Amino acid sequence: DFAKGRFTISRDSAENTVHLQMRSLNPRD
């Protein structure tokens, strides 16, 4: 719930990589 709307998880199959993009970060993160 805390990540909805602020964090985005995605994958890059060619690079065998998963990303986590985080925005509107606060000290609780």
mmCIF file of all heavy atoms, coordinates in Angstrom:
data_MODEL
# 
_entry.id   MODEL 
# 
loop_
_atom_site.group_PDB 
_atom_site.id 
_atom_site.type_symbol 
_atom_site.label_atom_id 
_atom_site.label_alt_id 
_atom_site.label_comp_id 
_atom_site.label_asym_id 
_atom_site.label_entity_id 
_atom_site.label_seq_id 
_atom_site.pdbx_PDB_ins_code 
_atom_site.Cartn_x 
_atom_site.Cartn_y 
_atom_site.Cartn_z 
_atom_site.occupancy 
_atom_site.B_iso_or_equiv 
_atom_site.pdbx_formal_charge 
_atom_site.auth_seq_id 
_atom_site.auth_comp_id 
_atom_site.auth_asym_id 
_atom_site.auth_atom_id 
_atom_site.pdbx_PDB_model_num 
ATOM 1   N N   . ASP A 1 1  ? 0.821  -1.211  0.000   1.00 0.00 ? 1  ASP A N   1 
ATOM 2   C CA  . ASP A 1 1  ? 0.000  0.000   0.000   1.00 0.00 ? 1  ASP A CA  1 
ATOM 3   C C   . ASP A 1 1  ? 0.859  1.267   0.000   1.00 0.00 ? 1  ASP A C   1 
ATOM 4   O O   . ASP A 1 1  ? 0.537  2.240   -0.687  1.00 0.00 ? 1  ASP A O   1 
ATOM 5   C CB  . ASP A 1 1  ? -0.929 -0.004  1.219   1.00 0.00 ? 1  ASP A CB  1 
ATOM 6   C CG  . ASP A 1 1  ? -2.086 -0.976  1.054   1.00 0.00 ? 1  ASP A CG  1 
ATOM 7   O OD1 . ASP A 1 1  ? -2.342 -1.420  -0.087  1.00 0.00 ? 1  ASP A OD1 1 
ATOM 8   O OD2 . ASP A 1 1  ? -2.734 -1.302  2.062   1.00 0.00 ? 1  ASP A OD2 1 
ATOM 9   N N   . PHE A 1 2  ? 1.941  1.262   0.741   1.00 0.00 ? 2  PHE A N   1 
ATOM 10  C CA  . PHE A 1 2  ? 2.758  2.473   0.824   1.00 0.00 ? 2  PHE A CA  1 
ATOM 11  C C   . PHE A 1 2  ? 3.455  2.775   -0.496  1.00 0.00 ? 2  PHE A C   1 
ATOM 12  O O   . PHE A 1 2  ? 3.910  3.893   -0.741  1.00 0.00 ? 2  PHE A O   1 
ATOM 13  C CB  . PHE A 1 2  ? 3.796  2.357   1.952   1.00 0.00 ? 2  PHE A CB  1 
ATOM 14  C CG  . PHE A 1 2  ? 4.882  1.354   1.701   1.00 0.00 ? 2  PHE A CG  1 
ATOM 15  C CD1 . PHE A 1 2  ? 5.968  1.655   0.891   1.00 0.00 ? 2  PHE A CD1 1 
ATOM 16  C CD2 . PHE A 1 2  ? 4.813  0.095   2.266   1.00 0.00 ? 2  PHE A CD2 1 
ATOM 17  C CE1 . PHE A 1 2  ? 6.967  0.734   0.651   1.00 0.00 ? 2  PHE A CE1 1 
ATOM 18  C CE2 . PHE A 1 2  ? 5.805  -0.850  2.035   1.00 0.00 ? 2  PHE A CE2 1 
ATOM 19  C CZ  . PHE A 1 2  ? 6.887  -0.528  1.215   1.00 0.00 ? 2  PHE A CZ  1 
ATOM 20  N N   . ALA A 1 3  ? 3.575  1.745   -1.353  1.00 0.00 ? 3  ALA A N   1 
ATOM 21  C CA  . ALA A 1 3  ? 4.300  1.911   -2.613  1.00 0.00 ? 3  ALA A CA  1 
ATOM 22  C C   . ALA A 1 3  ? 3.387  2.304   -3.782  1.00 0.00 ? 3  ALA A C   1 
ATOM 23  O O   . ALA A 1 3  ? 3.869  2.831   -4.789  1.00 0.00 ? 3  ALA A O   1 
ATOM 24  C CB  . ALA A 1 3  ? 5.021  0.615   -2.956  1.00 0.00 ? 3  ALA A CB  1 
ATOM 25  N N   . LYS A 1 4  ? 2.110  2.058   -3.642  1.00 0.00 ? 4  LYS A N   1 
ATOM 26  C CA  . LYS A 1 4  ? 1.175  2.344   -4.727  1.00 0.00 ? 4  LYS A CA  1 
ATOM 27  C C   . LYS A 1 4  ? 1.176  3.833   -5.071  1.00 0.00 ? 4  LYS A C   1 
ATOM 28  O O   . LYS A 1 4  ? 1.064  4.693   -4.206  1.00 0.00 ? 4  LYS A O   1 
ATOM 29  C CB  . LYS A 1 4  ? -0.234 1.892   -4.331  1.00 0.00 ? 4  LYS A CB  1 
ATOM 30  C CG  . LYS A 1 4  ? -0.380 0.398   -4.210  1.00 0.00 ? 4  LYS A CG  1 
ATOM 31  C CD  . LYS A 1 4  ? -1.786 0.002   -3.743  1.00 0.00 ? 4  LYS A CD  1 
ATOM 32  C CE  . LYS A 1 4  ? -1.900 -1.495  -3.577  1.00 0.00 ? 4  LYS A CE  1 
ATOM 33  N NZ  . LYS A 1 4  ? -3.228 -1.901  -3.049  1.00 0.00 ? 4  LYS A NZ  1 
ATOM 34  N N   . GLY A 1 5  ? 1.339  4.093   -6.357  1.00 0.00 ? 5  GLY A N   1 
ATOM 35  C CA  . GLY A 1 5  ? 1.348  5.478   -6.819  1.00 0.00 ? 5  GLY A CA  1 
ATOM 36  C C   . GLY A 1 5  ? 2.692  6.168   -6.723  1.00 0.00 ? 5  GLY A C   1 
ATOM 37  O O   . GLY A 1 5  ? 2.881  7.247   -7.288  1.00 0.00 ? 5  GLY A O   1 
ATOM 38  N N   . ARG A 1 6  ? 3.625  5.575   -5.997  1.00 0.00 ? 6  ARG A N   1 
ATOM 39  C CA  . ARG A 1 6  ? 4.959  6.192   -5.859  1.00 0.00 ? 6  ARG A CA  1 
ATOM 40  C C   . ARG A 1 6  ? 6.070  5.330   -6.433  1.00 0.00 ? 6  ARG A C   1 
ATOM 41  O O   . ARG A 1 6  ? 7.075  5.841   -6.922  1.00 0.00 ? 6  ARG A O   1 
ATOM 42  C CB  . ARG A 1 6  ? 5.266  6.466   -4.383  1.00 0.00 ? 6  ARG A CB  1 
ATOM 43  C CG  . ARG A 1 6  ? 4.345  7.440   -3.694  1.00 0.00 ? 6  ARG A CG  1 
ATOM 44  C CD  . ARG A 1 6  ? 4.912  7.872   -2.350  1.00 0.00 ? 6  ARG A CD  1 
ATOM 45  N NE  . ARG A 1 6  ? 5.151  6.744   -1.469  1.00 0.00 ? 6  ARG A NE  1 
ATOM 46  C CZ  . ARG A 1 6  ? 6.288  6.537   -0.821  1.00 0.00 ? 6  ARG A CZ  1 
ATOM 47  N NH1 . ARG A 1 6  ? 7.313  7.370   -0.966  1.00 0.00 ? 6  ARG A NH1 1 
ATOM 48  N NH2 . ARG A 1 6  ? 6.431  5.492   -0.008  1.00 0.00 ? 6  ARG A NH2 1 
ATOM 49  N N   . PHE A 1 7  ? 5.919  4.020   -6.329  1.00 0.00 ? 7  PHE A N   1 
ATOM 50  C CA  . PHE A 1 7  ? 6.958  3.101   -6.782  1.00 0.00 ? 7  PHE A CA  1 
ATOM 51  C C   . PHE A 1 7  ? 6.485  2.376   -8.037  1.00 0.00 ? 7  PHE A C   1 
ATOM 52  O O   . PHE A 1 7  ? 5.294  2.074   -8.177  1.00 0.00 ? 7  PHE A O   1 
ATOM 53  C CB  . PHE A 1 7  ? 7.280  2.068   -5.715  1.00 0.00 ? 7  PHE A CB  1 
ATOM 54  C CG  . PHE A 1 7  ? 7.938  2.615   -4.463  1.00 0.00 ? 7  PHE A CG  1 
ATOM 55  C CD1 . PHE A 1 7  ? 8.082  3.978   -4.249  1.00 0.00 ? 7  PHE A CD1 1 
ATOM 56  C CD2 . PHE A 1 7  ? 8.416  1.745   -3.504  1.00 0.00 ? 7  PHE A CD2 1 
ATOM 57  C CE1 . PHE A 1 7  ? 8.670  4.470   -3.103  1.00 0.00 ? 7  PHE A CE1 1 
ATOM 58  C CE2 . PHE A 1 7  ? 9.018  2.221   -2.345  1.00 0.00 ? 7  PHE A CE2 1 
ATOM 59  C CZ  . PHE A 1 7  ? 9.140  3.590   -2.140  1.00 0.00 ? 7  PHE A CZ  1 
ATOM 60  N N   . THR A 1 8  ? 7.424  2.066   -8.911  1.00 0.00 ? 8  THR A N   1 
ATOM 61  C CA  . THR A 1 8  ? 7.114  1.295   -10.107 1.00 0.00 ? 8  THR A CA  1 
ATOM 62  C C   . THR A 1 8  ? 8.146  0.195   -10.275 1.00 0.00 ? 8  THR A C   1 
ATOM 63  O O   . THR A 1 8  ? 9.351  0.472   -10.344 1.00 0.00 ? 8  THR A O   1 
ATOM 64  C CB  . THR A 1 8  ? 7.118  2.186   -11.355 1.00 0.00 ? 8  THR A CB  1 
ATOM 65  O OG1 . THR A 1 8  ? 6.153  3.234   -11.202 1.00 0.00 ? 8  THR A OG1 1 
ATOM 66  C CG2 . THR A 1 8  ? 6.752  1.357   -12.592 1.00 0.00 ? 8  THR A CG2 1 
ATOM 67  N N   . ILE A 1 9  ? 7.671  -1.036  -10.340 1.00 0.00 ? 9  ILE A N   1 
ATOM 68  C CA  . ILE A 1 9  ? 8.551  -2.168  -10.595 1.00 0.00 ? 9  ILE A CA  1 
ATOM 69  C C   . ILE A 1 9  ? 8.423  -2.544  -12.060 1.00 0.00 ? 9  ILE A C   1 
ATOM 70  O O   . ILE A 1 9  ? 7.322  -2.553  -12.622 1.00 0.00 ? 9  ILE A O   1 
ATOM 71  C CB  . ILE A 1 9  ? 8.219  -3.369  -9.672  1.00 0.00 ? 9  ILE A CB  1 
ATOM 72  C CG1 . ILE A 1 9  ? 9.243  -4.485  -9.829  1.00 0.00 ? 9  ILE A CG1 1 
ATOM 73  C CG2 . ILE A 1 9  ? 6.801  -3.883  -9.900  1.00 0.00 ? 9  ILE A CG2 1 
ATOM 74  C CD1 . ILE A 1 9  ? 9.068  -5.615  -8.812  1.00 0.00 ? 9  ILE A CD1 1 
ATOM 75  N N   . SER A 1 10 ? 9.543  -2.835  -12.689 1.00 0.00 ? 10 SER A N   1 
ATOM 76  C CA  . SER A 1 10 ? 9.526  -3.215  -14.105 1.00 0.00 ? 10 SER A CA  1 
ATOM 77  C C   . SER A 1 10 ? 10.666 -4.180  -14.362 1.00 0.00 ? 10 SER A C   1 
ATOM 78  O O   . SER A 1 10 ? 11.576 -4.316  -13.548 1.00 0.00 ? 10 SER A O   1 
ATOM 79  C CB  . SER A 1 10 ? 9.662  -1.971  -14.993 1.00 0.00 ? 10 SER A CB  1 
ATOM 80  O OG  . SER A 1 10 ? 10.907 -1.319  -14.761 1.00 0.00 ? 10 SER A OG  1 
ATOM 81  N N   . ARG A 1 11 ? 10.607 -4.830  -15.484 1.00 0.00 ? 11 ARG A N   1 
ATOM 82  C CA  . ARG A 1 11 ? 11.644 -5.803  -15.827 1.00 0.00 ? 11 ARG A CA  1 
ATOM 83  C C   . ARG A 1 11 ? 12.185 -5.508  -17.220 1.00 0.00 ? 11 ARG A C   1 
ATOM 84  O O   . ARG A 1 11 ? 11.497 -5.001  -18.088 1.00 0.00 ? 11 ARG A O   1 
ATOM 85  C CB  . ARG A 1 11 ? 11.093 -7.219  -15.766 1.00 0.00 ? 11 ARG A CB  1 
ATOM 86  C CG  . ARG A 1 11 ? 10.043 -7.472  -16.798 1.00 0.00 ? 11 ARG A CG  1 
ATOM 87  C CD  . ARG A 1 11 ? 9.426  -8.857  -16.697 1.00 0.00 ? 11 ARG A CD  1 
ATOM 88  N NE  . ARG A 1 11 ? 8.328  -8.955  -17.645 1.00 0.00 ? 11 ARG A NE  1 
ATOM 89  C CZ  . ARG A 1 11 ? 7.091  -8.551  -17.401 1.00 0.00 ? 11 ARG A CZ  1 
ATOM 90  N NH1 . ARG A 1 11 ? 6.806  -8.051  -16.216 1.00 0.00 ? 11 ARG A NH1 1 
ATOM 91  N NH2 . ARG A 1 11 ? 6.166  -8.657  -18.322 1.00 0.00 ? 11 ARG A NH2 1 
ATOM 92  N N   . ASP A 1 12 ? 13.432 -5.865  -17.380 1.00 0.00 ? 12 ASP A N   1 
ATOM 93  C CA  . ASP A 1 12 ? 14.095 -5.788  -18.675 1.00 0.00 ? 12 ASP A CA  1 
ATOM 94  C C   . ASP A 1 12 ? 14.578 -7.195  -18.965 1.00 0.00 ? 12 ASP A C   1 
ATOM 95  O O   . ASP A 1 12 ? 15.642 -7.614  -18.479 1.00 0.00 ? 12 ASP A O   1 
ATOM 96  C CB  . ASP A 1 12 ? 15.260 -4.801  -18.607 1.00 0.00 ? 12 ASP A CB  1 
ATOM 97  C CG  . ASP A 1 12 ? 15.947 -4.599  -19.944 1.00 0.00 ? 12 ASP A CG  1 
ATOM 98  O OD1 . ASP A 1 12 ? 15.862 -5.510  -20.800 1.00 0.00 ? 12 ASP A OD1 1 
ATOM 99  O OD2 . ASP A 1 12 ? 16.564 -3.556  -20.137 1.00 0.00 ? 12 ASP A OD2 1 
ATOM 100 N N   . SER A 1 13 ? 13.791 -7.929  -19.730 1.00 0.00 ? 13 SER A N   1 
ATOM 101 C CA  . SER A 1 13 ? 14.101 -9.336  -19.965 1.00 0.00 ? 13 SER A CA  1 
ATOM 102 C C   . SER A 1 13 ? 15.434 -9.515  -20.672 1.00 0.00 ? 13 SER A C   1 
ATOM 103 O O   . SER A 1 13 ? 16.171 -10.463 -20.394 1.00 0.00 ? 13 SER A O   1 
ATOM 104 C CB  . SER A 1 13 ? 12.983 -9.974  -20.794 1.00 0.00 ? 13 SER A CB  1 
ATOM 105 O OG  . SER A 1 13 ? 11.757 -9.898  -20.100 1.00 0.00 ? 13 SER A OG  1 
ATOM 106 N N   . ALA A 1 14 ? 15.744 -8.620  -21.570 1.00 0.00 ? 14 ALA A N   1 
ATOM 107 C CA  . ALA A 1 14 ? 16.998 -8.754  -22.324 1.00 0.00 ? 14 ALA A CA  1 
ATOM 108 C C   . ALA A 1 14 ? 18.218 -8.622  -21.416 1.00 0.00 ? 14 ALA A C   1 
ATOM 109 O O   . ALA A 1 14 ? 19.260 -9.225  -21.672 1.00 0.00 ? 14 ALA A O   1 
ATOM 110 C CB  . ALA A 1 14 ? 17.051 -7.711  -23.437 1.00 0.00 ? 14 ALA A CB  1 
ATOM 111 N N   . GLU A 1 15 ? 18.063 -7.832  -20.346 1.00 0.00 ? 15 GLU A N   1 
ATOM 112 C CA  . GLU A 1 15 ? 19.177 -7.604  -19.430 1.00 0.00 ? 15 GLU A CA  1 
ATOM 113 C C   . GLU A 1 15 ? 19.055 -8.420  -18.155 1.00 0.00 ? 15 GLU A C   1 
ATOM 114 O O   . GLU A 1 15 ? 19.896 -8.286  -17.257 1.00 0.00 ? 15 GLU A O   1 
ATOM 115 C CB  . GLU A 1 15 ? 19.253 -6.110  -19.077 1.00 0.00 ? 15 GLU A CB  1 
ATOM 116 C CG  . GLU A 1 15 ? 19.521 -5.211  -20.271 1.00 0.00 ? 15 GLU A CG  1 
ATOM 117 C CD  . GLU A 1 15 ? 20.905 -5.401  -20.852 1.00 0.00 ? 15 GLU A CD  1 
ATOM 118 O OE1 . GLU A 1 15 ? 21.830 -5.789  -20.072 1.00 0.00 ? 15 GLU A OE1 1 
ATOM 119 O OE2 . GLU A 1 15 ? 21.080 -5.189  -22.057 1.00 0.00 ? 15 GLU A OE2 1 
ATOM 120 N N   . ASN A 1 16 ? 18.020 -9.255  -18.071 1.00 0.00 ? 16 ASN A N   1 
ATOM 121 C CA  . ASN A 1 16 ? 17.780 -10.049 -16.856 1.00 0.00 ? 16 ASN A CA  1 
ATOM 122 C C   . ASN A 1 16 ? 17.763 -9.153  -15.618 1.00 0.00 ? 16 ASN A C   1 
ATOM 123 O O   . ASN A 1 16 ? 18.346 -9.491  -14.575 1.00 0.00 ? 16 ASN A O   1 
ATOM 124 C CB  . ASN A 1 16 ? 18.850 -11.136 -16.694 1.00 0.00 ? 16 ASN A CB  1 
ATOM 125 C CG  . ASN A 1 16 ? 18.617 -12.316 -17.610 1.00 0.00 ? 16 ASN A CG  1 
ATOM 126 O OD1 . ASN A 1 16 ? 17.487 -12.554 -18.043 1.00 0.00 ? 16 ASN A OD1 1 
ATOM 127 N ND2 . ASN A 1 16 ? 19.667 -13.052 -17.910 1.00 0.00 ? 16 ASN A ND2 1 
ATOM 128 N N   . THR A 1 17 ? 17.105 -8.041  -15.746 1.00 0.00 ? 17 THR A N   1 
ATOM 129 C CA  . THR A 1 17 ? 17.130 -7.040  -14.684 1.00 0.00 ? 17 THR A CA  1 
ATOM 130 C C   . THR A 1 17 ? 15.722 -6.596  -14.326 1.00 0.00 ? 17 THR A C   1 
ATOM 131 O O   . THR A 1 17 ? 14.856 -6.463  -15.202 1.00 0.00 ? 17 THR A O   1 
ATOM 132 C CB  . THR A 1 17 ? 17.962 -5.815  -15.124 1.00 0.00 ? 17 THR A CB  1 
ATOM 133 O OG1 . THR A 1 17 ? 19.302 -6.235  -15.368 1.00 0.00 ? 17 THR A OG1 1 
ATOM 134 C CG2 . THR A 1 17 ? 17.966 -4.738  -14.049 1.00 0.00 ? 17 THR A CG2 1 
ATOM 135 N N   . VAL A 1 18 ? 15.519 -6.374  -13.049 1.00 0.00 ? 18 VAL A N   1 
ATOM 136 C CA  . VAL A 1 18 ? 14.280 -5.798  -12.538 1.00 0.00 ? 18 VAL A CA  1 
ATOM 137 C C   . VAL A 1 18 ? 14.620 -4.458  -11.889 1.00 0.00 ? 18 VAL A C   1 
ATOM 138 O O   . VAL A 1 18 ? 15.607 -4.352  -11.159 1.00 0.00 ? 18 VAL A O   1 
ATOM 139 C CB  . VAL A 1 18 ? 13.606 -6.729  -11.510 1.00 0.00 ? 18 VAL A CB  1 
ATOM 140 C CG1 . VAL A 1 18 ? 12.431 -6.031  -10.848 1.00 0.00 ? 18 VAL A CG1 1 
ATOM 141 C CG2 . VAL A 1 18 ? 13.130 -7.992  -12.181 1.00 0.00 ? 18 VAL A CG2 1 
ATOM 142 N N   . HIS A 1 19 ? 13.812 -3.469  -12.198 1.00 0.00 ? 19 HIS A N   1 
ATOM 143 C CA  . HIS A 1 19 ? 14.037 -2.128  -11.679 1.00 0.00 ? 19 HIS A CA  1 
ATOM 144 C C   . HIS A 1 19 ? 12.940 -1.760  -10.685 1.00 0.00 ? 19 HIS A C   1 
ATOM 145 O O   . HIS A 1 19 ? 11.796 -2.213  -10.798 1.00 0.00 ? 19 HIS A O   1 
ATOM 146 C CB  . HIS A 1 19 ? 14.035 -1.108  -12.817 1.00 0.00 ? 19 HIS A CB  1 
ATOM 147 C CG  . HIS A 1 19 ? 15.014 -1.405  -13.902 1.00 0.00 ? 19 HIS A CG  1 
ATOM 148 N ND1 . HIS A 1 19 ? 16.368 -1.187  -13.760 1.00 0.00 ? 19 HIS A ND1 1 
ATOM 149 C CD2 . HIS A 1 19 ? 14.840 -1.930  -15.143 1.00 0.00 ? 19 HIS A CD2 1 
ATOM 150 C CE1 . HIS A 1 19 ? 16.976 -1.545  -14.872 1.00 0.00 ? 19 HIS A CE1 1 
ATOM 151 N NE2 . HIS A 1 19 ? 16.077 -2.003  -15.736 1.00 0.00 ? 19 HIS A NE2 1 
ATOM 152 N N   . LEU A 1 20 ? 13.304 -0.923  -9.758  1.00 0.00 ? 20 LEU A N   1 
ATOM 153 C CA  . LEU A 1 20 ? 12.319 -0.330  -8.853  1.00 0.00 ? 20 LEU A CA  1 
ATOM 154 C C   . LEU A 1 20 ? 12.548 1.176   -8.870  1.00 0.00 ? 20 LEU A C   1 
ATOM 155 O O   . LEU A 1 20 ? 13.560 1.660   -8.365  1.00 0.00 ? 20 LEU A O   1 
ATOM 156 C CB  . LEU A 1 20 ? 12.463 -0.867  -7.431  1.00 0.00 ? 20 LEU A CB  1 
ATOM 157 C CG  . LEU A 1 20 ? 11.419 -0.357  -6.434  1.00 0.00 ? 20 LEU A CG  1 
ATOM 158 C CD1 . LEU A 1 20 ? 10.037 -0.925  -6.770  1.00 0.00 ? 20 LEU A CD1 1 
ATOM 159 C CD2 . LEU A 1 20 ? 11.797 -0.726  -4.998  1.00 0.00 ? 20 LEU A CD2 1 
ATOM 160 N N   . GLN A 1 21 ? 11.619 1.868   -9.485  1.00 0.00 ? 21 GLN A N   1 
ATOM 161 C CA  . GLN A 1 21 ? 11.701 3.330   -9.551  1.00 0.00 ? 21 GLN A CA  1 
ATOM 162 C C   . GLN A 1 21 ? 10.861 3.895   -8.419  1.00 0.00 ? 21 GLN A C   1 
ATOM 163 O O   . GLN A 1 21 ? 9.694  3.527   -8.259  1.00 0.00 ? 21 GLN A O   1 
ATOM 164 C CB  . GLN A 1 21 ? 11.193 3.816   -10.905 1.00 0.00 ? 21 GLN A CB  1 
ATOM 165 C CG  . GLN A 1 21 ? 12.039 3.331   -12.076 1.00 0.00 ? 21 GLN A CG  1 
ATOM 166 C CD  . GLN A 1 21 ? 11.429 3.705   -13.417 1.00 0.00 ? 21 GLN A CD  1 
ATOM 167 O OE1 . GLN A 1 21 ? 10.337 3.251   -13.763 1.00 0.00 ? 21 GLN A OE1 1 
ATOM 168 N NE2 . GLN A 1 21 ? 12.120 4.528   -14.164 1.00 0.00 ? 21 GLN A NE2 1 
ATOM 169 N N   . MET A 1 22 ? 11.466 4.795   -7.663  1.00 0.00 ? 22 MET A N   1 
ATOM 170 C CA  . MET A 1 22 ? 10.801 5.346   -6.487  1.00 0.00 ? 22 MET A CA  1 
ATOM 171 C C   . MET A 1 22 ? 10.753 6.869   -6.602  1.00 0.00 ? 22 MET A C   1 
ATOM 172 O O   . MET A 1 22 ? 11.758 7.499   -6.944  1.00 0.00 ? 22 MET A O   1 
ATOM 173 C CB  . MET A 1 22 ? 11.563 4.939   -5.220  1.00 0.00 ? 22 MET A CB  1 
ATOM 174 C CG  . MET A 1 22 ? 11.702 3.434   -5.062  1.00 0.00 ? 22 MET A CG  1 
ATOM 175 S SD  . MET A 1 22 ? 12.682 2.931   -3.624  1.00 0.00 ? 22 MET A SD  1 
ATOM 176 C CE  . MET A 1 22 ? 14.338 3.355   -4.198  1.00 0.00 ? 22 MET A CE  1 
ATOM 177 N N   . ARG A 1 23 ? 9.614  7.437   -6.316  1.00 0.00 ? 23 ARG A N   1 
ATOM 178 C CA  . ARG A 1 23 ? 9.484  8.884   -6.356  1.00 0.00 ? 23 ARG A CA  1 
ATOM 179 C C   . ARG A 1 23 ? 8.752  9.357   -5.108  1.00 0.00 ? 23 ARG A C   1 
ATOM 180 O O   . ARG A 1 23 ? 8.194  8.556   -4.354  1.00 0.00 ? 23 ARG A O   1 
ATOM 181 C CB  . ARG A 1 23 ? 8.760  9.339   -7.620  1.00 0.00 ? 23 ARG A CB  1 
ATOM 182 C CG  . ARG A 1 23 ? 7.351  8.819   -7.765  1.00 0.00 ? 23 ARG A CG  1 
ATOM 183 C CD  . ARG A 1 23 ? 6.729  9.304   -9.069  1.00 0.00 ? 23 ARG A CD  1 
ATOM 184 N NE  . ARG A 1 23 ? 5.356  8.829   -9.248  1.00 0.00 ? 23 ARG A NE  1 
ATOM 185 C CZ  . ARG A 1 23 ? 4.285  9.423   -8.775  1.00 0.00 ? 23 ARG A CZ  1 
ATOM 186 N NH1 . ARG A 1 23 ? 4.420  10.538  -8.059  1.00 0.00 ? 23 ARG A NH1 1 
ATOM 187 N NH2 . ARG A 1 23 ? 3.087  8.926   -8.993  1.00 0.00 ? 23 ARG A NH2 1 
ATOM 188 N N   . SER A 1 24 ? 8.726  10.667  -4.926  1.00 0.00 ? 24 SER A N   1 
ATOM 189 C CA  . SER A 1 24 ? 8.093  11.260  -3.742  1.00 0.00 ? 24 SER A CA  1 
ATOM 190 C C   . SER A 1 24 ? 8.580  10.571  -2.476  1.00 0.00 ? 24 SER A C   1 
ATOM 191 O O   . SER A 1 24 ? 7.791  10.232  -1.587  1.00 0.00 ? 24 SER A O   1 
ATOM 192 C CB  . SER A 1 24 ? 6.559  11.170  -3.856  1.00 0.00 ? 24 SER A CB  1 
ATOM 193 O OG  . SER A 1 24 ? 6.096  11.853  -4.996  1.00 0.00 ? 24 SER A OG  1 
ATOM 194 N N   . LEU A 1 25 ? 9.871  10.367  -2.413  1.00 0.00 ? 25 LEU A N   1 
ATOM 195 C CA  . LEU A 1 25 ? 10.440 9.647   -1.274  1.00 0.00 ? 25 LEU A CA  1 
ATOM 196 C C   . LEU A 1 25 ? 10.374 10.490  -0.010  1.00 0.00 ? 25 LEU A C   1 
ATOM 197 O O   . LEU A 1 25 ? 10.442 11.721  -0.053  1.00 0.00 ? 25 LEU A O   1 
ATOM 198 C CB  . LEU A 1 25 ? 11.879 9.247   -1.583  1.00 0.00 ? 25 LEU A CB  1 
ATOM 199 C CG  . LEU A 1 25 ? 12.025 8.139   -2.619  1.00 0.00 ? 25 LEU A CG  1 
ATOM 200 C CD1 . LEU A 1 25 ? 13.440 8.087   -3.164  1.00 0.00 ? 25 LEU A CD1 1 
ATOM 201 C CD2 . LEU A 1 25 ? 11.644 6.801   -2.012  1.00 0.00 ? 25 LEU A CD2 1 
ATOM 202 N N   . ASN A 1 26 ? 10.224 9.814   1.107   1.00 0.00 ? 26 ASN A N   1 
ATOM 203 C CA  . ASN A 1 26 ? 10.231 10.465  2.405   1.00 0.00 ? 26 ASN A CA  1 
ATOM 204 C C   . ASN A 1 26 ? 11.143 9.678   3.341   1.00 0.00 ? 26 ASN A C   1 
ATOM 205 O O   . ASN A 1 26 ? 11.539 8.550   3.030   1.00 0.00 ? 26 ASN A O   1 
ATOM 206 C CB  . ASN A 1 26 ? 8.811  10.585  2.958   1.00 0.00 ? 26 ASN A CB  1 
ATOM 207 C CG  . ASN A 1 26 ? 8.149  9.238   3.132   1.00 0.00 ? 26 ASN A CG  1 
ATOM 208 O OD1 . ASN A 1 26 ? 8.551  8.450   3.993   1.00 0.00 ? 26 ASN A OD1 1 
ATOM 209 N ND2 . ASN A 1 26 ? 7.127  8.964   2.335   1.00 0.00 ? 26 ASN A ND2 1 
ATOM 210 N N   . PRO A 1 27 ? 11.501 10.277  4.465   1.00 0.00 ? 27 PRO A N   1 
ATOM 211 C CA  . PRO A 1 27 ? 12.457 9.598   5.361   1.00 0.00 ? 27 PRO A CA  1 
ATOM 212 C C   . PRO A 1 27 ? 12.006 8.204   5.793   1.00 0.00 ? 27 PRO A C   1 
ATOM 213 O O   . PRO A 1 27 ? 12.855 7.364   6.119   1.00 0.00 ? 27 PRO A O   1 
ATOM 214 C CB  . PRO A 1 27 ? 12.553 10.561  6.545   1.00 0.00 ? 27 PRO A CB  1 
ATOM 215 C CG  . PRO A 1 27 ? 12.325 11.903  5.936   1.00 0.00 ? 27 PRO A CG  1 
ATOM 216 C CD  . PRO A 1 27 ? 11.281 11.663  4.884   1.00 0.00 ? 27 PRO A CD  1 
ATOM 217 N N   . ARG A 1 28 ? 10.708 7.944   5.791   1.00 0.00 ? 28 ARG A N   1 
ATOM 218 C CA  . ARG A 1 28 ? 10.244 6.606   6.176   1.00 0.00 ? 28 ARG A CA  1 
ATOM 219 C C   . ARG A 1 28 ? 10.619 5.553   5.145   1.00 0.00 ? 28 ARG A C   1 
ATOM 220 O O   . ARG A 1 28 ? 10.532 4.353   5.414   1.00 0.00 ? 28 ARG A O   1 
ATOM 221 C CB  . ARG A 1 28 ? 8.726  6.612   6.373   1.00 0.00 ? 28 ARG A CB  1 
ATOM 222 C CG  . ARG A 1 28 ? 8.252  7.450   7.548   1.00 0.00 ? 28 ARG A CG  1 
ATOM 223 C CD  . ARG A 1 28 ? 6.755  7.286   7.753   1.00 0.00 ? 28 ARG A CD  1 
ATOM 224 N NE  . ARG A 1 28 ? 5.984  7.730   6.610   1.00 0.00 ? 28 ARG A NE  1 
ATOM 225 C CZ  . ARG A 1 28 ? 5.637  8.994   6.387   1.00 0.00 ? 28 ARG A CZ  1 
ATOM 226 N NH1 . ARG A 1 28 ? 6.000  9.941   7.238   1.00 0.00 ? 28 ARG A NH1 1 
ATOM 227 N NH2 . ARG A 1 28 ? 4.919  9.318   5.320   1.00 0.00 ? 28 ARG A NH2 1 
ATOM 228 N N   . ASP A 1 29 ? 11.025 5.999   3.962   1.00 0.00 ? 29 ASP A N   1 
ATOM 229 C CA  . ASP A 1 29 ? 11.470 5.048   2.937   1.00 0.00 ? 29 ASP A CA  1 
ATOM 230 C C   . ASP A 1 29 ? 12.936 4.653   3.109   1.00 0.00 ? 29 ASP A C   1 
ATOM 231 O O   . ASP A 1 29 ? 13.442 3.816   2.360   1.00 0.00 ? 29 ASP A O   1 
ATOM 232 C CB  . ASP A 1 29 ? 11.275 5.655   1.545   1.00 0.00 ? 29 ASP A CB  1 
ATOM 233 C CG  . ASP A 1 29 ? 9.815  5.895   1.220   1.00 0.00 ? 29 ASP A CG  1 
ATOM 234 O OD1 . ASP A 1 29 ? 8.992  4.984   1.459   1.00 0.00 ? 29 ASP A OD1 1 
ATOM 235 O OD2 . ASP A 1 29 ? 9.497  6.995   0.722   1.00 0.00 ? 29 ASP A OD2 1 
# 
